[in-house]
Amino acid sequence: MPMYSYQCGSCGHEFEEIQSFDAPETMKCPSCGKKKARRVLQACAGLSFKGSGFYQTDYKGKSGGSDK
């Protein structure tokens, strides 16, 4: 899921949220509680791979055999 950056138009607080593509835009600021937060466009999106074994379980060849 992508991470979106927000900035509150009332207090100026900046925060990030991980949301699915089809989730509605967050409007409530966690700092002041007002519904003035707007999504901030970023120059580049970052990917975050969390958890162990991503490479080992998905891309590694079979053990004891050839990688063909």
N, C-alpha and C. Protein backbone atom coordinates (compact mmCIF):
# COMPACT_ATOMS: atom_id res chain seq x y z
N MET A 1 0.83 -1.18 0.00
CA MET A 1 0.00 0.00 0.00
C MET A 1 0.88 1.25 0.00
N PRO A 2 0.46 2.26 -0.69
CA PRO A 2 1.26 3.49 -0.75
C PRO A 2 1.13 4.33 0.51
N MET A 3 2.16 5.14 0.74
CA MET A 3 2.16 6.07 1.85
C MET A 3 1.91 7.47 1.30
N TYR A 4 0.96 8.17 1.88
CA TYR A 4 0.60 9.51 1.45
C TYR A 4 1.00 10.54 2.50
N SER A 5 1.47 11.70 2.05
CA SER A 5 1.81 12.79 2.95
C SER A 5 0.66 13.79 2.98
N TYR A 6 0.38 14.31 4.16
CA TYR A 6 -0.68 15.28 4.36
C TYR A 6 -0.14 16.50 5.09
N GLN A 7 -0.80 17.64 4.89
CA GLN A 7 -0.48 18.85 5.64
C GLN A 7 -1.80 19.53 6.01
N CYS A 8 -1.89 19.96 7.26
CA CYS A 8 -3.10 20.61 7.75
C CYS A 8 -3.09 22.08 7.34
N GLY A 9 -4.19 22.54 6.77
CA GLY A 9 -4.32 23.93 6.37
C GLY A 9 -4.57 24.86 7.54
N SER A 10 -4.94 24.30 8.69
CA SER A 10 -5.23 25.11 9.86
C SER A 10 -3.99 25.33 10.74
N CYS A 11 -3.33 24.25 11.14
CA CYS A 11 -2.19 24.37 12.05
C CYS A 11 -0.84 24.12 11.37
N GLY A 12 -0.83 23.61 10.12
CA GLY A 12 0.42 23.38 9.39
C GLY A 12 1.10 22.06 9.71
N HIS A 13 0.47 21.23 10.55
CA HIS A 13 1.05 19.93 10.92
C HIS A 13 1.18 19.03 9.69
N GLU A 14 2.33 18.36 9.55
CA GLU A 14 2.56 17.43 8.45
C GLU A 14 2.59 16.01 9.01
N PHE A 15 1.94 15.08 8.31
CA PHE A 15 1.92 13.68 8.74
C PHE A 15 1.77 12.78 7.54
N GLU A 16 2.04 11.49 7.76
CA GLU A 16 1.96 10.49 6.68
C GLU A 16 1.00 9.39 7.10
N GLU A 17 0.34 8.81 6.12
CA GLU A 17 -0.56 7.68 6.35
C GLU A 17 -0.39 6.65 5.25
N ILE A 18 -0.44 5.40 5.65
CA ILE A 18 -0.43 4.29 4.69
C ILE A 18 -1.89 3.97 4.39
N GLN A 19 -2.26 4.08 3.11
CA GLN A 19 -3.64 3.84 2.71
C GLN A 19 -3.68 3.06 1.40
N SER A 20 -4.78 2.35 1.19
CA SER A 20 -4.95 1.67 -0.08
C SER A 20 -5.29 2.70 -1.15
N PHE A 21 -5.16 2.30 -2.40
CA PHE A 21 -5.42 3.21 -3.52
C PHE A 21 -6.85 3.74 -3.54
N ASP A 22 -7.80 2.90 -3.14
CA ASP A 22 -9.19 3.31 -3.22
C ASP A 22 -9.75 3.88 -1.92
N ALA A 23 -8.90 4.07 -0.90
CA ALA A 23 -9.34 4.65 0.37
C ALA A 23 -9.62 6.14 0.20
N PRO A 24 -10.63 6.66 0.89
CA PRO A 24 -10.89 8.10 0.78
C PRO A 24 -9.76 8.91 1.42
N GLU A 25 -9.58 10.11 0.93
CA GLU A 25 -8.53 10.98 1.43
C GLU A 25 -8.81 11.37 2.89
N THR A 26 -7.76 11.30 3.74
CA THR A 26 -7.90 11.69 5.13
C THR A 26 -8.03 13.20 5.21
N MET A 27 -8.97 13.67 6.00
CA MET A 27 -9.15 15.12 6.12
C MET A 27 -8.93 15.61 7.54
N LYS A 28 -9.06 14.74 8.54
CA LYS A 28 -8.93 15.16 9.94
C LYS A 28 -7.47 15.17 10.37
N CYS A 29 -7.02 16.30 10.90
CA CYS A 29 -5.65 16.47 11.37
C CYS A 29 -5.51 15.80 12.74
N PRO A 30 -4.49 14.94 12.93
CA PRO A 30 -4.31 14.28 14.23
C PRO A 30 -3.80 15.25 15.30
N SER A 31 -3.30 16.40 14.91
CA SER A 31 -2.76 17.36 15.87
C SER A 31 -3.84 18.29 16.42
N CYS A 32 -4.59 18.96 15.55
CA CYS A 32 -5.59 19.93 16.01
C CYS A 32 -7.02 19.40 15.95
N GLY A 33 -7.24 18.31 15.18
CA GLY A 33 -8.57 17.70 15.09
C GLY A 33 -9.50 18.34 14.07
N LYS A 34 -9.05 19.37 13.39
CA LYS A 34 -9.89 20.03 12.39
C LYS A 34 -9.83 19.28 11.07
N LYS A 35 -10.86 19.39 10.26
CA LYS A 35 -10.92 18.71 8.97
C LYS A 35 -10.37 19.61 7.88
N LYS A 36 -9.09 19.96 8.00
CA LYS A 36 -8.43 20.85 7.05
C LYS A 36 -7.20 20.21 6.40
N ALA A 37 -6.97 18.92 6.64
CA ALA A 37 -5.79 18.24 6.08
C ALA A 37 -5.99 17.97 4.60
N ARG A 38 -4.96 18.17 3.83
CA ARG A 38 -4.98 17.92 2.39
C ARG A 38 -3.75 17.10 2.00
N ARG A 39 -3.92 16.25 1.02
CA ARG A 39 -2.82 15.41 0.52
C ARG A 39 -1.80 16.29 -0.19
N VAL A 40 -0.53 16.06 0.12
CA VAL A 40 0.58 16.80 -0.48
C VAL A 40 1.21 15.94 -1.56
N LEU A 41 1.39 16.49 -2.75
CA LEU A 41 2.03 15.75 -3.83
C LEU A 41 3.53 15.67 -3.60
N GLN A 42 4.08 14.49 -3.79
CA GLN A 42 5.51 14.26 -3.60
C GLN A 42 6.17 14.09 -4.96
N ALA A 43 7.45 14.46 -5.05
CA ALA A 43 8.20 14.34 -6.29
C ALA A 43 8.42 12.87 -6.66
N CYS A 44 8.67 12.03 -5.67
CA CYS A 44 8.86 10.61 -5.95
C CYS A 44 8.25 9.80 -4.81
N ALA A 45 7.76 8.65 -5.16
CA ALA A 45 7.15 7.78 -4.16
C ALA A 45 8.18 6.78 -3.67
N GLY A 46 8.19 6.53 -2.41
CA GLY A 46 9.12 5.56 -1.83
C GLY A 46 8.43 4.23 -1.60
N LEU A 47 9.18 3.18 -1.72
CA LEU A 47 8.66 1.85 -1.44
C LEU A 47 9.21 1.40 -0.10
N SER A 48 8.40 0.72 0.64
CA SER A 48 8.82 0.22 1.93
C SER A 48 8.55 -1.28 1.97
N PHE A 49 9.62 -2.08 1.99
CA PHE A 49 9.49 -3.53 2.10
C PHE A 49 9.73 -3.89 3.55
N LYS A 50 8.70 -4.41 4.21
CA LYS A 50 8.82 -4.78 5.61
C LYS A 50 8.63 -6.27 5.75
N GLY A 51 9.30 -6.83 6.73
CA GLY A 51 9.19 -8.25 6.99
C GLY A 51 10.46 -8.97 6.58
N SER A 52 10.59 -10.18 7.04
CA SER A 52 11.79 -10.95 6.71
C SER A 52 11.48 -11.95 5.61
N GLY A 53 12.48 -12.32 4.86
CA GLY A 53 12.34 -13.39 3.89
C GLY A 53 11.81 -12.98 2.54
N PHE A 54 11.70 -11.71 2.24
CA PHE A 54 11.15 -11.31 0.94
C PHE A 54 11.98 -11.88 -0.20
N TYR A 55 13.29 -11.65 -0.16
CA TYR A 55 14.16 -12.16 -1.20
C TYR A 55 14.28 -13.67 -1.11
N GLN A 56 14.45 -14.19 0.08
CA GLN A 56 14.70 -15.61 0.26
C GLN A 56 13.53 -16.48 -0.19
N THR A 57 12.33 -16.03 0.02
CA THR A 57 11.19 -16.88 -0.32
C THR A 57 10.66 -16.63 -1.73
N ASP A 58 10.90 -15.47 -2.29
CA ASP A 58 10.30 -15.14 -3.58
C ASP A 58 11.21 -15.30 -4.78
N TYR A 59 12.49 -15.12 -4.62
CA TYR A 59 13.37 -15.08 -5.78
C TYR A 59 14.52 -16.09 -5.74
N LYS A 60 14.68 -16.78 -4.68
CA LYS A 60 15.79 -17.71 -4.57
C LYS A 60 15.46 -19.00 -5.31
N GLY A 61 16.50 -19.55 -5.96
CA GLY A 61 16.31 -20.82 -6.67
C GLY A 61 16.11 -21.98 -5.70
N LYS A 62 15.70 -23.11 -6.21
CA LYS A 62 15.49 -24.29 -5.37
C LYS A 62 16.81 -24.77 -4.80
N SER A 63 16.79 -25.16 -3.54
CA SER A 63 18.03 -25.65 -2.91
C SER A 63 18.36 -27.03 -3.42
N GLY A 64 19.63 -27.26 -3.65
CA GLY A 64 20.08 -28.56 -4.12
C GLY A 64 19.94 -28.76 -5.62
N GLY A 65 19.34 -27.87 -6.30
CA GLY A 65 19.14 -28.01 -7.73
C GLY A 65 19.77 -26.85 -8.47
N SER A 66 19.63 -26.85 -9.76
CA SER A 66 20.16 -25.75 -10.55
C SER A 66 19.17 -24.60 -10.56
N ASP A 67 19.63 -23.40 -10.88
CA ASP A 67 18.78 -22.22 -10.90
C ASP A 67 18.20 -21.96 -12.28
N LYS A 68 18.05 -22.96 -13.12
CA LYS A 68 17.52 -22.80 -14.47
C LYS A 68 16.03 -22.87 -14.48
